Amino acid sequence: MKILVTGSAGFIGFHTAIALAKAGHEVVGLDNINDYYDVRLKFARGEESGFSRSEMESGRPVSSTKYPGYKFIKADISDMNAVASLFEEHRFDVVCNLAAQAGVRYSIENPHAYIKSNIDGFLNILEACRRFPVKQLVYASSSSVYGLNEKVPFSETDRTDYPVSLYAATKKADELMAGVYSKLYSIPATGLRFFTVYGPWGRPDMAPMLFLKAIEQGKPIKVFNNGELYRDFTFIDDIVKGVVSVAETPVPAGENLHRIYNIGNSKPVRLTDFIETIEKVSGKSAIKEMTGMQQGDVFQTYADTSMLEQDFGYRPDTPLSEGIGQLYKWFVNHSDLF
């Protein structure tokens, strides 16, 4: 199949595009390479994918030197004309929309970036899927849509109309928009609610990488809510396996062409225990600065993945110690990127 992967220089998009290329699909990766975090990491992901920095910056389609059938194009999904032209030229079978302005806390500082990418950009993707029909649109949602939900584990049937951050609100809006387009224009669409993804090549603004860097450098780390936060940390390989499985599986015919699934490890870990795992793997102690709850944060995330297992015979299961071990090995060899 010919598959578009947006956000291919980002954490999840990078891993997903490579996995799809390895599986023999024709992949087009798209990314605007914005400076939300250090672009050196994004270009390093590109180089790992077989693209030089100069090629990625050129704006021209470039072919990977490592993965046959994988091409990269620098473009922004918020550019309506660029997205339409891309779809018209390539006539994709499947679209994996993994591009988004990420980060809960940053949405408080720069709200307009979230509307531009997560709302306007996603609308452009939906419109392109309408004009140039695809077999399936797979798009990234987030566990943040559950807000302050106190029922655990979080199920896809739980209410998600009380987000506590703009980021979460945009992800909920994406689900609603996809549902409407799916119904009106018979677009098969699948939303995936990711739960706290970590692993090699991860984002530097997320806790796993922030903690690793600080512990390695002997600097203090901020521990929000005095460590009494619980996260369903999910290893990147588990996330990618889920995305690929969904992308390769046709949506069953019927009236409901829009589906939503949780992808999480289903084993919430207390933040202090997570830090202890990093300490054990690295052999170094953390200097902890205990602080209160951060605005826009939630107390707990916990995925019920029974629907994913039922429909795809798959559930994430990488133990935290194993995942942190792989992340640490990668980090010590790429610490210059941080």
Foldseek 3Di string as FASTA:
>chain_A
DEEEQEPCLADLNVVLQVVCLVVPYQYEYEYQQDPPDPSVLSQVSVVVQADHPVRAVPQDWDAHPPGPNYIYGYDALLPLVVLLVVCVVPLEQEYEYEDADDDQVVCVVPVVRRCSRLPSSLVSVLVSCLVRPHLEYEYEAALQLCAQDPDPDDDPPDDRPDGQGSNSVSSVVSLVVVQVSCQVRVHQYEYEHEWAEDFASHDCVDDLNVLLLCQVVVHADECEQQQQAWTQYFYSVQVSVLVVLVRVDGQDDDNRSYYYFYATQQDIDGRVVLSVLLCVLVVTDHHYDYDYHDRSDYRYHGHDGVVSCVVRVDHGHDDSSNRSNRRNVNCVVVVVSD
